[in-house]
């Protein structure tokens, strides 16, 4: 499955909505996705959502070349 991870770039500042970024990761389940991101980054994770086929297609179309799966 593909998961969209919403995060803040640092844990040292209070989270601000304007600073929220996202990345996409492929993992077997939500726990595995969370563990991969937490183990390999210093990001402050806000939310992780599993993308349905329709949502994934939308993300790929709307982002075009900017859509990339993050690999750790």
PDB file of N, CA and C in Angstrom:
ATOM      1  N   UNK A   1       0.834  -1.189   0.000  1.00  0.00           N
ATOM      2  CA  UNK A   1       0.000   0.000   0.000  1.00  0.00           C
ATOM      3  C   UNK A   1       0.877   1.250   0.000  1.00  0.00           C
ATOM      4  N   UNK A   2       0.300   2.309  -0.495  1.00  0.00           N
ATOM      5  CA  UNK A   2       0.975   3.607  -0.505  1.00  0.00           C
ATOM      6  C   UNK A   2       0.349   4.467   0.598  1.00  0.00           C
ATOM      7  N   UNK A   3       1.215   5.086   1.384  1.00  0.00           N
ATOM      8  CA  UNK A   3       0.767   5.936   2.485  1.00  0.00           C
ATOM      9  C   UNK A   3       1.267   7.358   2.260  1.00  0.00           C
ATOM     10  N   UNK A   4       0.412   8.316   2.577  1.00  0.00           N
ATOM     11  CA  UNK A   4       0.791   9.725   2.544  1.00  0.00           C
ATOM     12  C   UNK A   4       1.079  10.139   3.975  1.00  0.00           C
ATOM     13  N   UNK A   5       2.284  10.645   4.195  1.00  0.00           N
ATOM     14  CA  UNK A   5       2.736  11.015   5.532  1.00  0.00           C
ATOM     15  C   UNK A   5       2.809  12.529   5.614  1.00  0.00           C
ATOM     16  N   UNK A   6       2.054  13.106   6.534  1.00  0.00           N
ATOM     17  CA  UNK A   6       2.101  14.539   6.791  1.00  0.00           C
ATOM     18  C   UNK A   6       3.060  14.757   7.951  1.00  0.00           C
ATOM     19  N   UNK A   7       3.977  15.717   7.792  1.00  0.00           N
ATOM     20  CA  UNK A   7       4.989  15.908   8.825  1.00  0.00           C
ATOM     21  C   UNK A   7       5.448  17.357   8.903  1.00  0.00           C
ATOM     22  N   UNK A   8       6.071  17.664  10.033  1.00  0.00           N
ATOM     23  CA  UNK A   8       6.775  18.927  10.233  1.00  0.00           C
ATOM     24  C   UNK A   8       8.262  18.594  10.098  1.00  0.00           C
ATOM     25  N   UNK A   9       9.049  19.460   9.491  1.00  0.00           N
ATOM     26  CA  UNK A   9      10.447  19.129   9.247  1.00  0.00           C
ATOM     27  C   UNK A   9      11.306  18.979  10.505  1.00  0.00           C
ATOM     28  N   UNK A  10      10.858  19.503  11.630  1.00  0.00           N
ATOM     29  CA  UNK A  10      11.661  19.412  12.844  1.00  0.00           C
ATOM     30  C   UNK A  10      10.776  19.200  14.068  1.00  0.00           C
ATOM     31  N   UNK A  11      11.342  18.578  15.075  1.00  0.00           N
ATOM     32  CA  UNK A  11      10.627  18.383  16.343  1.00  0.00           C
ATOM     33  C   UNK A  11      10.943  19.502  17.326  1.00  0.00           C
ATOM     34  N   UNK A  12      11.841  20.414  16.944  1.00  0.00           N
ATOM     35  CA  UNK A  12      12.297  21.459  17.854  1.00  0.00           C
ATOM     36  C   UNK A  12      11.365  22.659  17.919  1.00  0.00           C
ATOM     37  N   UNK A  13      10.448  22.788  16.962  1.00  0.00           N
ATOM     38  CA  UNK A  13       9.516  23.911  16.947  1.00  0.00           C
ATOM     39  C   UNK A  13       8.097  23.398  17.119  1.00  0.00           C
ATOM     40  N   UNK A  14       7.245  24.279  17.619  1.00  0.00           N
ATOM     41  CA  UNK A  14       5.834  23.923  17.693  1.00  0.00           C
ATOM     42  C   UNK A  14       5.292  23.747  16.277  1.00  0.00           C
ATOM     43  N   UNK A  15       4.455  22.723  16.084  1.00  0.00           N
ATOM     44  CA  UNK A  15       3.900  22.515  14.743  1.00  0.00           C
ATOM     45  C   UNK A  15       3.039  23.692  14.296  1.00  0.00           C
ATOM     46  N   UNK A  16       3.206  24.080  13.050  1.00  0.00           N
ATOM     47  CA  UNK A  16       2.400  25.132  12.438  1.00  0.00           C
ATOM     48  C   UNK A  16       1.844  24.571  11.144  1.00  0.00           C
ATOM     49  N   UNK A  17       0.589  24.776  10.945  1.00  0.00           N
ATOM     50  CA  UNK A  17      -0.082  24.228   9.771  1.00  0.00           C
ATOM     51  C   UNK A  17       0.616  24.628   8.465  1.00  0.00           C
ATOM     52  N   UNK A  18       1.100  25.852   8.408  1.00  0.00           N
ATOM     53  CA  UNK A  18       1.751  26.330   7.190  1.00  0.00           C
ATOM     54  C   UNK A  18       3.031  25.576   6.869  1.00  0.00           C
ATOM     55  N   UNK A  19       3.635  24.943   7.863  1.00  0.00           N
ATOM     56  CA  UNK A  19       4.894  24.227   7.663  1.00  0.00           C
ATOM     57  C   UNK A  19       4.707  22.745   7.367  1.00  0.00           C
ATOM     58  N   UNK A  20       3.480  22.291   7.307  1.00  0.00           N
ATOM     59  CA  UNK A  20       3.229  20.867   7.080  1.00  0.00           C
ATOM     60  C   UNK A  20       3.633  20.478   5.661  1.00  0.00           C
ATOM     61  N   UNK A  21       4.424  19.431   5.572  1.00  0.00           N
ATOM     62  CA  UNK A  21       4.861  18.873   4.302  1.00  0.00           C
ATOM     63  C   UNK A  21       4.338  17.449   4.205  1.00  0.00           C
ATOM     64  N   UNK A  22       4.506  16.833   3.052  1.00  0.00           N
ATOM     65  CA  UNK A  22       4.062  15.448   2.922  1.00  0.00           C
ATOM     66  C   UNK A  22       5.044  14.665   2.065  1.00  0.00           C
ATOM     67  N   UNK A  23       5.041  13.367   2.280  1.00  0.00           N
ATOM     68  CA  UNK A  23       5.810  12.444   1.463  1.00  0.00           C
ATOM     69  C   UNK A  23       4.991  11.184   1.296  1.00  0.00           C
ATOM     70  N   UNK A  24       5.392  10.367   0.354  1.00  0.00           N
ATOM     71  CA  UNK A  24       4.677   9.135   0.047  1.00  0.00           C
ATOM     72  C   UNK A  24       5.627   7.968   0.258  1.00  0.00           C
ATOM     73  N   UNK A  25       5.127   6.954   0.917  1.00  0.00           N
ATOM     74  CA  UNK A  25       5.954   5.788   1.208  1.00  0.00           C
ATOM     75  C   UNK A  25       5.145   4.524   0.955  1.00  0.00           C
ATOM     76  N   UNK A  26       5.809   3.502   0.444  1.00  0.00           N
ATOM     77  CA  UNK A  26       5.164   2.214   0.227  1.00  0.00           C
ATOM     78  C   UNK A  26       5.539   1.306   1.378  1.00  0.00           C
ATOM     79  N   UNK A  27       4.522   0.685   1.995  1.00  0.00           N
ATOM     80  CA  UNK A  27       4.754  -0.200   3.132  1.00  0.00           C
ATOM     81  C   UNK A  27       3.629  -1.222   3.217  1.00  0.00           C
ATOM     82  N   UNK A  28       3.885  -2.288   3.950  1.00  0.00           N
ATOM     83  CA  UNK A  28       2.901  -3.358   4.103  1.00  0.00           C
ATOM     84  C   UNK A  28       1.695  -2.915   4.920  1.00  0.00           C
ATOM     85  N   UNK A  29       1.935  -2.060   5.925  1.00  0.00           N
ATOM     86  CA  UNK A  29       0.848  -1.577   6.768  1.00  0.00           C
ATOM     87  C   UNK A  29       1.235  -0.250   7.401  1.00  0.00           C
ATOM     88  N   UNK A  30       0.293   0.345   8.122  1.00  0.00           N
ATOM     89  CA  UNK A  30       0.502   1.661   8.719  1.00  0.00           C
ATOM     90  C   UNK A  30       1.664   1.654   9.712  1.00  0.00           C
ATOM     91  N   UNK A  31       1.748   0.635  10.535  1.00  0.00           N
ATOM     92  CA  UNK A  31       2.813   0.562  11.539  1.00  0.00           C
ATOM     93  C   UNK A  31       4.190   0.508  10.879  1.00  0.00           C
ATOM     94  N   UNK A  32       4.296  -0.232   9.803  1.00  0.00           N
ATOM     95  CA  UNK A  32       5.564  -0.336   9.086  1.00  0.00           C
ATOM     96  C   UNK A  32       5.935   1.000   8.455  1.00  0.00           C
ATOM     97  N   UNK A  33       4.957   1.693   7.904  1.00  0.00           N
ATOM     98  CA  UNK A  33       5.199   3.018   7.311  1.00  0.00           C
ATOM     99  C   UNK A  33       5.683   3.994   8.385  1.00  0.00           C
ATOM    100  N   UNK A  34       5.001   4.012   9.529  1.00  0.00           N
ATOM    101  CA  UNK A  34       5.395   4.902  10.625  1.00  0.00           C
ATOM    102  C   UNK A  34       6.808   4.585  11.105  1.00  0.00           C
ATOM    103  N   UNK A  35       7.101   3.318  11.286  1.00  0.00           N
ATOM    104  CA  UNK A  35       8.422   2.908  11.762  1.00  0.00           C
ATOM    105  C   UNK A  35       9.515   3.325  10.766  1.00  0.00           C
ATOM    106  N   UNK A  36       9.263   3.153   9.477  1.00  0.00           N
ATOM    107  CA  UNK A  36      10.257   3.517   8.459  1.00  0.00           C
ATOM    108  C   UNK A  36      10.574   5.007   8.510  1.00  0.00           C
ATOM    109  N   UNK A  37       9.552   5.829   8.605  1.00  0.00           N
ATOM    110  CA  UNK A  37       9.778   7.280   8.626  1.00  0.00           C
ATOM    111  C   UNK A  37      10.439   7.700   9.936  1.00  0.00           C
ATOM    112  N   UNK A  38       9.950   7.188  11.058  1.00  0.00           N
ATOM    113  CA  UNK A  38      10.524   7.571  12.355  1.00  0.00           C
ATOM    114  C   UNK A  38      11.968   7.108  12.498  1.00  0.00           C
ATOM    115  N   UNK A  39      12.307   5.957  11.942  1.00  0.00           N
ATOM    116  CA  UNK A  39      13.662   5.418  12.060  1.00  0.00           C
ATOM    117  C   UNK A  39      14.674   6.143  11.183  1.00  0.00           C
ATOM    118  N   UNK A  40      14.213   6.754  10.117  1.00  0.00           N
ATOM    119  CA  UNK A  40      15.132   7.325   9.146  1.00  0.00           C
ATOM    120  C   UNK A  40      15.117   8.844   9.050  1.00  0.00           C
ATOM    121  N   UNK A  41      14.271   9.500   9.836  1.00  0.00           N
ATOM    122  CA  UNK A  41      14.197  10.964   9.783  1.00  0.00           C
ATOM    123  C   UNK A  41      14.042  11.525  11.203  1.00  0.00           C
ATOM    124  N   UNK A  42      14.168  12.830  11.291  1.00  0.00           N
ATOM    125  CA  UNK A  42      13.902  13.544  12.547  1.00  0.00           C
ATOM    126  C   UNK A  42      12.594  14.314  12.444  1.00  0.00           C
ATOM    127  N   UNK A  43      11.725  13.911  11.541  1.00  0.00           N
ATOM    128  CA  UNK A  43      10.465  14.604  11.326  1.00  0.00           C
ATOM    129  C   UNK A  43       9.513  14.424  12.494  1.00  0.00           C
ATOM    130  N   UNK A  44       8.660  15.413  12.685  1.00  0.00           N
ATOM    131  CA  UNK A  44       7.569  15.342  13.642  1.00  0.00           C
ATOM    132  C   UNK A  44       6.334  14.905  12.851  1.00  0.00           C
ATOM    133  N   UNK A  45       5.959  13.635  12.957  1.00  0.00           N
ATOM    134  CA  UNK A  45       4.851  13.104  12.184  1.00  0.00           C
ATOM    135  C   UNK A  45       3.529  13.616  12.723  1.00  0.00           C
ATOM    136  N   UNK A  46       2.686  14.088  11.822  1.00  0.00           N
ATOM    137  CA  UNK A  46       1.361  14.578  12.196  1.00  0.00           C
ATOM    138  C   UNK A  46       0.288  13.542  11.933  1.00  0.00           C
ATOM    139  N   UNK A  47       0.335  12.971  10.731  1.00  0.00           N
ATOM    140  CA  UNK A  47      -0.733  12.054  10.333  1.00  0.00           C
ATOM    141  C   UNK A  47      -0.231  11.178   9.197  1.00  0.00           C
ATOM    142  N   UNK A  48      -0.692   9.938   9.181  1.00  0.00           N
ATOM    143  CA  UNK A  48      -0.384   9.029   8.080  1.00  0.00           C
ATOM    144  C   UNK A  48      -1.700   8.458   7.591  1.00  0.00           C
ATOM    145  N   UNK A  49      -1.904   8.541   6.271  1.00  0.00           N
ATOM    146  CA  UNK A  49      -3.144   8.003   5.720  1.00  0.00           C
ATOM    147  C   UNK A  49      -2.844   7.048   4.573  1.00  0.00           C
ATOM    148  N   UNK A  50      -3.604   5.965   4.549  1.00  0.00           N
ATOM    149  CA  UNK A  50      -3.509   5.007   3.458  1.00  0.00           C
ATOM    150  C   UNK A  50      -4.279   5.572   2.272  1.00  0.00           C
ATOM    151  N   UNK A  51      -3.654   5.563   1.112  1.00  0.00           N
ATOM    152  CA  UNK A  51      -4.305   6.105  -0.067  1.00  0.00           C
ATOM    153  C   UNK A  51      -5.047   5.000  -0.818  1.00  0.00           C
ATOM    154  N   UNK A  52      -6.306   5.243  -1.115  1.00  0.00           N
ATOM    155  CA  UNK A  52      -7.074   4.324  -1.954  1.00  0.00           C
ATOM    156  C   UNK A  52      -6.545   4.443  -3.382  1.00  0.00           C
ATOM    157  N   UNK A  53      -6.958   3.556  -4.244  1.00  0.00           N
ATOM    158  CA  UNK A  53      -6.524   3.618  -5.641  1.00  0.00           C
ATOM    159  C   UNK A  53      -6.916   4.947  -6.274  1.00  0.00           C
ATOM    160  N   UNK A  54      -8.135   5.403  -5.993  1.00  0.00           N
ATOM    161  CA  UNK A  54      -8.602   6.670  -6.554  1.00  0.00           C
ATOM    162  C   UNK A  54      -7.792   7.847  -6.008  1.00  0.00           C
ATOM    163  N   UNK A  55      -7.511   7.834  -4.726  1.00  0.00           N
ATOM    164  CA  UNK A  55      -6.734   8.920  -4.124  1.00  0.00           C
ATOM    165  C   UNK A  55      -5.303   8.926  -4.650  1.00  0.00           C
ATOM    166  N   UNK A  56      -4.726   7.748  -4.831  1.00  0.00           N
ATOM    167  CA  UNK A  56      -3.372   7.648  -5.362  1.00  0.00           C
ATOM    168  C   UNK A  56      -3.328   8.186  -6.792  1.00  0.00           C
ATOM    169  N   UNK A  57      -4.297   7.831  -7.598  1.00  0.00           N
ATOM    170  CA  UNK A  57      -4.372   8.329  -8.969  1.00  0.00           C
ATOM    171  C   UNK A  57      -4.489   9.846  -8.984  1.00  0.00           C
ATOM    172  N   UNK A  58      -5.318  10.388  -8.106  1.00  0.00           N
ATOM    173  CA  UNK A  58      -5.474  11.841  -8.014  1.00  0.00           C
ATOM    174  C   UNK A  58      -4.144  12.509  -7.642  1.00  0.00           C
ATOM    175  N   UNK A  59      -3.474  11.979  -6.642  1.00  0.00           N
ATOM    176  CA  UNK A  59      -2.193  12.553  -6.203  1.00  0.00           C
ATOM    177  C   UNK A  59      -1.176  12.517  -7.343  1.00  0.00           C
ATOM    178  N   UNK A  60      -1.111  11.408  -8.058  1.00  0.00           N
ATOM    179  CA  UNK A  60      -0.159  11.277  -9.157  1.00  0.00           C
ATOM    180  C   UNK A  60      -0.471  12.270 -10.278  1.00  0.00           C
ATOM    181  N   UNK A  61      -1.753  12.439 -10.583  1.00  0.00           N
ATOM    182  CA  UNK A  61      -2.139  13.368 -11.647  1.00  0.00           C
ATOM    183  C   UNK A  61      -1.922  14.817 -11.240  1.00  0.00           C
ATOM    184  N   UNK A  62      -2.246  15.141  -9.998  1.00  0.00           N
ATOM    185  CA  UNK A  62      -2.142  16.536  -9.576  1.00  0.00           C
ATOM    186  C   UNK A  62      -0.684  16.968  -9.375  1.00  0.00           C
ATOM    187  N   UNK A  63       0.173  16.046  -8.958  1.00  0.00           N
ATOM    188  CA  UNK A  63       1.577  16.391  -8.728  1.00  0.00           C
ATOM    189  C   UNK A  63       2.447  16.160  -9.963  1.00  0.00           C
ATOM    190  N   UNK A  64       2.011  15.314 -10.862  1.00  0.00           N
ATOM    191  CA  UNK A  64       2.773  15.041 -12.073  1.00  0.00           C
ATOM    192  C   UNK A  64       4.164  14.506 -11.759  1.00  0.00           C
ATOM    193  N   UNK A  65       5.193  15.175 -12.285  1.00  0.00           N
ATOM    194  CA  UNK A  65       6.583  14.735 -12.110  1.00  0.00           C
ATOM    195  C   UNK A  65       7.060  14.890 -10.665  1.00  0.00           C
ATOM    196  N   UNK A  66       6.382  15.688  -9.883  1.00  0.00           N
ATOM    197  CA  UNK A  66       6.801  15.909  -8.486  1.00  0.00           C
ATOM    198  C   UNK A  66       6.387  14.759  -7.576  1.00  0.00           C
ATOM    199  N   UNK A  67       5.516  13.850  -8.051  1.00  0.00           N
ATOM    200  CA  UNK A  67       5.107  12.710  -7.239  1.00  0.00           C
ATOM    201  C   UNK A  67       6.231  11.696  -7.217  1.00  0.00           C
ATOM    202  N   UNK A  68       6.737  11.407  -6.002  1.00  0.00           N
ATOM    203  CA  UNK A  68       7.820  10.445  -5.846  1.00  0.00           C
ATOM    204  C   UNK A  68       7.595   9.643  -4.578  1.00  0.00           C
ATOM    205  N   UNK A  69       7.861   8.364  -4.661  1.00  0.00           N
ATOM    206  CA  UNK A  69       7.831   7.516  -3.467  1.00  0.00           C
ATOM    207  C   UNK A  69       9.163   7.672  -2.754  1.00  0.00           C
ATOM    208  N   UNK A  70       9.112   7.889  -1.459  1.00  0.00           N
ATOM    209  CA  UNK A  70      10.319   7.998  -0.663  1.00  0.00           C
ATOM    210  C   UNK A  70      10.782   6.601  -0.271  1.00  0.00           C
ATOM    211  N   UNK A  71      12.041   6.319  -0.500  1.00  0.00           N
ATOM    212  CA  UNK A  71      12.600   5.021  -0.121  1.00  0.00           C
ATOM    213  C   UNK A  71      13.652   5.233   0.949  1.00  0.00           C
ATOM    214  N   UNK A  72      13.624   4.382   1.943  1.00  0.00           N
ATOM    215  CA  UNK A  72      14.613   4.464   3.028  1.00  0.00           C
ATOM    216  C   UNK A  72      15.539   3.283   2.961  1.00  0.00           C
TER     217      UNK A  72
END
